[in-house]
C-alpha atoms as a PDB file:
ATOM      1  CA  MET A   1     -26.231 -18.781  29.334  1.00  0.00           C
ATOM      2  CA  THR A   2     -24.958 -22.443  30.564  1.00  0.00           C
ATOM      3  CA  ARG A   3     -26.016 -23.497  26.540  1.00  0.00           C
ATOM      4  CA  THR A   4     -23.418 -20.895  25.098  1.00  0.00           C
ATOM      5  CA  ILE A   5     -20.526 -22.027  27.901  1.00  0.00           C
ATOM      6  CA  ARG A   6     -21.139 -25.705  26.861  1.00  0.00           C
ATOM      7  CA  TYR A   7     -21.117 -24.350  23.095  1.00  0.00           C
ATOM      8  CA  LEU A   8     -17.883 -22.687  23.531  1.00  0.00           C
ATOM      9  CA  ALA A   9     -16.299 -25.622  25.602  1.00  0.00           C
ATOM     10  CA  ALA A  10     -17.074 -27.708  23.024  1.00  0.00           C
ATOM     11  CA  THR A  11     -15.814 -25.754  20.336  1.00  0.00           C
ATOM     12  CA  LEU A  12     -12.765 -25.478  21.811  1.00  0.00           C
ATOM     13  CA  LEU A  13     -12.576 -29.346  22.604  1.00  0.00           C
ATOM     14  CA  GLY A  14     -13.126 -29.746  19.189  1.00  0.00           C
ATOM     15  CA  LEU A  15     -10.353 -27.504  18.134  1.00  0.00           C
ATOM     16  CA  ALA A  16      -8.056 -29.356  20.266  1.00  0.00           C
ATOM     17  CA  LEU A  17      -8.663 -32.300  18.352  1.00  0.00           C
ATOM     18  CA  VAL A  18      -8.174 -31.176  14.429  1.00  0.00           C
ATOM     19  CA  PRO A  19      -4.803 -32.415  13.330  1.00  0.00           C
ATOM     20  CA  GLY A  20      -2.323 -29.471  13.156  1.00  0.00           C
ATOM     21  CA  THR A  21      -3.726 -27.535  15.487  1.00  0.00           C
ATOM     22  CA  SER A  22      -2.736 -26.756  19.510  1.00  0.00           C
ATOM     23  CA  LEU A  23      -4.714 -24.978  21.903  1.00  0.00           C
ATOM     24  CA  SER A  24      -1.473 -24.095  23.974  1.00  0.00           C
ATOM     25  CA  ALA A  25       1.136 -23.525  21.052  1.00  0.00           C
ATOM     26  CA  HIS A  26       2.666 -20.096  20.838  1.00  0.00           C
ATOM     27  CA  ALA A  27       3.601 -17.786  17.750  1.00  0.00           C
ATOM     28  CA  GLU A  28       6.716 -19.449  17.202  1.00  0.00           C
ATOM     29  CA  GLY A  29       5.390 -22.477  16.835  1.00  0.00           C
ATOM     30  CA  ALA A  30       3.063 -21.723  14.301  1.00  0.00           C
ATOM     31  CA  ASP A  31       5.708 -22.019  11.093  1.00  0.00           C
ATOM     32  CA  ALA A  32       6.077 -25.615  12.112  1.00  0.00           C
ATOM     33  CA  VAL A  33       3.674 -26.499   8.784  1.00  0.00           C
ATOM     34  CA  PRO A  34       6.068 -28.062   6.079  1.00  0.00           C
ATOM     35  CA  SER A  35       5.582 -27.268   2.359  1.00  0.00           C
ATOM     36  CA  ALA A  36       8.045 -27.661  -0.289  1.00  0.00           C
ATOM     37  CA  ARG A  37       6.167 -25.160  -2.867  1.00  0.00           C
ATOM     38  CA  VAL A  38       4.328 -22.592  -0.008  1.00  0.00           C
ATOM     39  CA  SER A  39       5.977 -21.196   2.656  1.00  0.00           C
ATOM     40  CA  VAL A  40       4.036 -18.964   4.896  1.00  0.00           C
ATOM     41  CA  ARG A  41       5.611 -16.549   7.819  1.00  0.00           C
ATOM     42  CA  TYR A  42       4.202 -14.218  10.194  1.00  0.00           C
ATOM     43  CA  LEU A  43       6.216 -10.863  10.553  1.00  0.00           C
ATOM     44  CA  ASN A  44       5.776  -9.526  14.147  1.00  0.00           C
ATOM     45  CA  PRO A  45       2.822 -11.617  15.049  1.00  0.00           C
ATOM     46  CA  GLN A  46       2.852  -9.883  18.597  1.00  0.00           C
ATOM     47  CA  GLN A  47       2.136  -6.754  16.960  1.00  0.00           C
ATOM     48  CA  PHE A  48      -0.862  -7.880  14.890  1.00  0.00           C
ATOM     49  CA  THR A  49      -3.939  -6.116  15.885  1.00  0.00           C
ATOM     50  CA  GLU A  50      -5.157  -9.072  16.756  1.00  0.00           C
ATOM     51  CA  SER A  51      -2.711  -9.353  19.496  1.00  0.00           C
ATOM     52  CA  ARG A  52      -2.622  -5.623  20.514  1.00  0.00           C
ATOM     53  CA  ASN A  53      -6.508  -5.452  20.855  1.00  0.00           C
ATOM     54  CA  TYR A  54      -7.052  -8.927  22.407  1.00  0.00           C
ATOM     55  CA  GLY A  55      -3.845 -10.710  23.368  1.00  0.00           C
ATOM     56  CA  ARG A  56      -5.338 -10.921  26.772  1.00  0.00           C
ATOM     57  CA  GLN A  57      -8.560 -12.459  26.214  1.00  0.00           C
ATOM     58  CA  ASP A  58      -6.917 -14.938  23.686  1.00  0.00           C
ATOM     59  CA  ARG A  59      -4.413 -16.094  26.179  1.00  0.00           C
ATOM     60  CA  TYR A  60      -7.608 -16.464  28.738  1.00  0.00           C
ATOM     61  CA  ASN A  61      -9.369 -18.688  25.813  1.00  0.00           C
ATOM     62  CA  ASN A  62      -6.151 -20.291  25.326  1.00  0.00           C
ATOM     63  CA  VAL A  63      -7.374 -20.267  21.343  1.00  0.00           C
ATOM     64  CA  HIS A  64      -4.396 -20.234  19.033  1.00  0.00           C
ATOM     65  CA  TYR A  65      -4.918 -19.158  15.357  1.00  0.00           C
ATOM     66  CA  LEU A  66      -1.232 -18.722  13.736  1.00  0.00           C
ATOM     67  CA  GLY A  67      -0.706 -22.300  13.213  1.00  0.00           C
ATOM     68  CA  PRO A  68      -4.431 -23.162  11.778  1.00  0.00           C
ATOM     69  CA  LEU A  69      -4.408 -20.427   9.338  1.00  0.00           C
ATOM     70  CA  LYS A  70      -0.861 -21.169   8.360  1.00  0.00           C
ATOM     71  CA  ALA A  71      -1.785 -24.741   7.295  1.00  0.00           C
ATOM     72  CA  HIS A  72      -5.090 -23.652   5.912  1.00  0.00           C
ATOM     73  CA  LEU A  73      -3.079 -21.306   3.365  1.00  0.00           C
ATOM     74  CA  ILE A  74      -0.662 -23.707   2.329  1.00  0.00           C
ATOM     75  CA  LYS A  75      -3.578 -26.475   1.835  1.00  0.00           C
ATOM     76  CA  ARG A  76      -5.434 -24.241  -0.103  1.00  0.00           C
ATOM     77  CA  ALA A  77      -2.793 -22.385  -2.159  1.00  0.00           C
ATOM     78  CA  THR A  78      -0.799 -25.586  -3.021  1.00  0.00           C
ATOM     79  CA  PRO A  79      -2.959 -27.096  -5.756  1.00  0.00           C
ATOM     80  CA  LEU A  80      -3.191 -23.458  -7.659  1.00  0.00           C
ATOM     81  CA  LEU A  81       0.515 -23.848  -8.588  1.00  0.00           C
ATOM     82  CA  ALA A  82       2.062 -25.175 -10.836  1.00  0.00           C
ATOM     83  CA  ALA A  83       4.619 -28.017 -10.304  1.00  0.00           C
ATOM     84  CA  ASP A  84       7.423 -25.614 -10.832  1.00  0.00           C
ATOM     85  CA  GLN A  85       6.203 -22.577  -8.790  1.00  0.00           C
ATOM     86  CA  GLN A  86       6.570 -21.664  -5.403  1.00  0.00           C
ATOM     87  CA  LEU A  87       4.413 -18.954  -3.594  1.00  0.00           C
ATOM     88  CA  HIS A  88       5.748 -17.133  -0.598  1.00  0.00           C
ATOM     89  CA  VAL A  89       3.354 -15.312   1.857  1.00  0.00           C
ATOM     90  CA  THR A  90       4.433 -13.206   4.709  1.00  0.00           C
ATOM     91  CA  ILE A  91       1.449 -12.369   7.072  1.00  0.00           C
ATOM     92  CA  THR A  92       1.989  -8.571   8.252  1.00  0.00           C
ATOM     93  CA  ASP A  93      -1.277  -8.314  10.274  1.00  0.00           C
ATOM     94  CA  ILE A  94      -4.222  -9.848  11.373  1.00  0.00           C
ATOM     95  CA  GLN A  95      -7.736  -8.898  12.987  1.00  0.00           C
ATOM     96  CA  LEU A  96      -9.703 -12.022  12.857  1.00  0.00           C
ATOM     97  CA  ALA A  97     -13.664 -11.906  12.519  1.00  0.00           C
ATOM     98  CA  GLY A  98     -15.435 -10.710  15.824  1.00  0.00           C
ATOM     99  CA  GLY A  99     -14.368  -8.599  18.723  1.00  0.00           C
ATOM    100  CA  TYR A 100     -14.791  -8.185  22.762  1.00  0.00           C
ATOM    101  CA  GLU A 101     -16.916  -6.316  24.400  1.00  0.00           C
ATOM    102  CA  PRO A 102     -15.873  -6.224  28.186  1.00  0.00           C
ATOM    103  CA  TRP A 103     -17.825  -3.184  28.758  1.00  0.00           C
ATOM    104  CA  SER A 104     -21.487  -5.172  28.051  1.00  0.00           C
ATOM    105  CA  SER A 105     -21.397  -7.394  30.837  1.00  0.00           C
ATOM    106  CA  PRO A 106     -18.485  -8.941  33.161  1.00  0.00           C
ATOM    107  CA  GLN A 107     -19.662 -12.530  32.281  1.00  0.00           C
ATOM    108  CA  TRP A 108     -19.061 -11.790  28.632  1.00  0.00           C
ATOM    109  CA  SER A 109     -15.461 -10.306  29.219  1.00  0.00           C
ATOM    110  CA  HIS A 110     -13.763 -13.189  27.322  1.00  0.00           C
ATOM    111  CA  VAL A 111     -16.710 -14.271  24.608  1.00  0.00           C
ATOM    112  CA  ARG A 112     -15.652 -13.032  21.514  1.00  0.00           C
ATOM    113  CA  ILE A 113     -19.046 -11.311  19.826  1.00  0.00           C
ATOM    114  CA  ILE A 114     -19.177 -11.761  16.121  1.00  0.00           C
ATOM    115  CA  SER A 115     -20.908  -8.769  14.452  1.00  0.00           C
ATOM    116  CA  ASN A 116     -20.606  -6.874  11.169  1.00  0.00           C
ATOM    117  CA  ARG A 117     -18.620  -4.060  13.610  1.00  0.00           C
ATOM    118  CA  TYR A 118     -15.665  -6.480  13.595  1.00  0.00           C
ATOM    119  CA  PRO A 119     -14.795  -7.951  10.349  1.00  0.00           C
ATOM    120  CA  PRO A 120     -11.885 -10.153   9.478  1.00  0.00           C
ATOM    121  CA  ARG A 121      -8.455  -8.648   7.867  1.00  0.00           C
ATOM    122  CA  ILE A 122      -5.526  -9.818   6.712  1.00  0.00           C
ATOM    123  CA  ASP A 123      -2.798  -8.058   5.019  1.00  0.00           C
ATOM    124  CA  LEU A 124       0.010  -9.792   3.701  1.00  0.00           C
ATOM    125  CA  LYS A 125       2.674  -9.731   0.561  1.00  0.00           C
ATOM    126  CA  PHE A 126       3.203 -12.505  -1.686  1.00  0.00           C
ATOM    127  CA  SER A 127       5.722 -13.629  -4.608  1.00  0.00           C
ATOM    128  CA  VAL A 128       5.232 -15.972  -7.060  1.00  0.00           C
ATOM    129  CA  THR A 129       8.416 -17.940  -8.147  1.00  0.00           C
ATOM    130  CA  GLY A 130       9.290 -20.181 -11.051  1.00  0.00           C
ATOM    131  CA  LYS A 131      12.066 -23.000 -10.970  1.00  0.00           C
ATOM    132  CA  ASP A 132      14.682 -20.706 -11.864  1.00  0.00           C
ATOM    133  CA  GLY A 133      13.793 -18.569  -8.757  1.00  0.00           C
ATOM    134  CA  ARG A 134      12.480 -16.019 -10.953  1.00  0.00           C
ATOM    135  CA  VAL A 135       9.667 -13.995  -9.773  1.00  0.00           C
ATOM    136  CA  ILE A 136       6.692 -14.171 -11.475  1.00  0.00           C
ATOM    137  CA  ARG A 137       4.410 -12.276  -9.487  1.00  0.00           C
ATOM    138  CA  GLN A 138       4.286 -10.576  -6.299  1.00  0.00           C
ATOM    139  CA  GLY A 139       2.609  -7.648  -4.623  1.00  0.00           C
ATOM    140  CA  THR A 140       0.736  -6.708  -1.010  1.00  0.00           C
ATOM    141  CA  ARG A 141      -2.565  -7.030  -0.574  1.00  0.00           C
ATOM    142  CA  LYS A 142      -5.208  -5.875   2.696  1.00  0.00           C
ATOM    143  CA  LEU A 143      -7.909  -8.667   2.145  1.00  0.00           C
ATOM    144  CA  ARG A 144     -11.088  -7.232   3.827  1.00  0.00           C
ATOM    145  CA  ASN A 145     -14.968  -9.000   3.901  1.00  0.00           C
ATOM    146  CA  LEU A 146     -16.962  -6.175   5.412  1.00  0.00           C
ATOM    147  CA  GLY A 147     -20.159  -8.224   4.702  1.00  0.00           C
ATOM    148  CA  TYR A 148     -18.585 -11.528   6.128  1.00  0.00           C
ATOM    149  CA  LEU A 149     -21.913 -12.534   8.068  1.00  0.00           C
ATOM    150  CA  SER A 150     -23.654 -12.457   5.012  1.00  0.00           C
ATOM    151  CA  SER A 151     -21.508 -13.794   2.250  1.00  0.00           C
ATOM    152  CA  GLY A 152     -22.827 -17.316   3.077  1.00  0.00           C
ATOM    153  CA  VAL A 153     -19.728 -18.595   5.123  1.00  0.00           C
ATOM    154  CA  SER A 154     -21.298 -19.716   7.857  1.00  0.00           C
ATOM    155  CA  MET A 155     -22.715 -23.287   7.323  1.00  0.00           C
ATOM    156  CA  PRO A 156     -25.107 -24.351   9.718  1.00  0.00           C
ATOM    157  CA  GLY A 157     -23.146 -27.026  12.265  1.00  0.00           C
ATOM    158  CA  SER A 158     -20.203 -25.403  11.443  1.00  0.00           C
ATOM    159  CA  THR A 159     -18.232 -24.902  14.694  1.00  0.00           C
ATOM    160  CA  ASP A 160     -14.749 -23.519  13.184  1.00  0.00           C
ATOM    161  CA  PRO A 161     -13.810 -20.582  15.160  1.00  0.00           C
ATOM    162  CA  LEU A 162     -11.651 -19.411  12.140  1.00  0.00           C
ATOM    163  CA  ARG A 163     -14.464 -19.816   9.316  1.00  0.00           C
ATOM    164  CA  TYR A 164     -14.769 -16.523   8.468  1.00  0.00           C
ATOM    165  CA  ASP A 165     -11.004 -15.875   8.475  1.00  0.00           C
ATOM    166  CA  LYS A 166     -10.281 -18.989   6.555  1.00  0.00           C
ATOM    167  CA  ALA A 167     -12.817 -17.604   3.967  1.00  0.00           C
ATOM    168  CA  LEU A 168     -11.019 -14.385   3.584  1.00  0.00           C
ATOM    169  CA  LEU A 169      -7.970 -16.388   2.702  1.00  0.00           C
ATOM    170  CA  ASP A 170      -9.796 -18.260   0.278  1.00  0.00           C
ATOM    171  CA  SER A 171     -11.275 -15.631  -1.345  1.00  0.00           C
ATOM    172  CA  TRP A 172      -8.009 -14.179  -2.175  1.00  0.00           C
ATOM    173  CA  LEU A 173      -7.146 -17.275  -3.397  1.00  0.00           C
ATOM    174  CA  ARG A 174      -9.796 -18.191  -5.661  1.00  0.00           C
ATOM    175  CA  ARG A 175      -8.948 -15.411  -7.912  1.00  0.00           C
ATOM    176  CA  GLY A 176      -5.999 -17.396  -9.128  1.00  0.00           C
ATOM    177  CA  LEU A 177      -2.547 -16.327  -9.272  1.00  0.00           C
ATOM    178  CA  HIS A 178      -2.656 -14.360 -12.289  1.00  0.00           C
ATOM    179  CA  HIS A 179      -4.787 -11.995 -10.061  1.00  0.00           C
ATOM    180  CA  LEU A 180      -3.643 -12.679  -6.842  1.00  0.00           C
END
């Protein structure tokens, strides 16, 4: 158990040292990542499934996920756009990979259990616009990966606590702007 606590502490410390992440930032500050061609906003993040279900544990662990997910989406989506295009994404719900099982043991009540019972989910709306502001493509998506543990995302040595959630966004973007 001491080994697990050391691993979790190292993961949190590593997250604190990653540029663009914050262990103590609030949801309001999650919109601080600038981009001219990709905009990401969160619609009522306090009402996200993740916040409603695990808000207490997330605050206990002091882990902030909105800023890092936004920065990741901007970084990955920007190269996919033509020079005169913009992508606007509104995230309407998030359920991070894993869940808490406080009933299993009081010692584990604030440890996120990664299991196929708790797949990552992200719901969003998007639009791609041209230089004249004309909408080229728009829609809503419910991103899911029920087999995320067997998808090859977890590389040995990877300590990013959001790796499965970022992989869900990457999978959506890999389809290309024509299939978003």
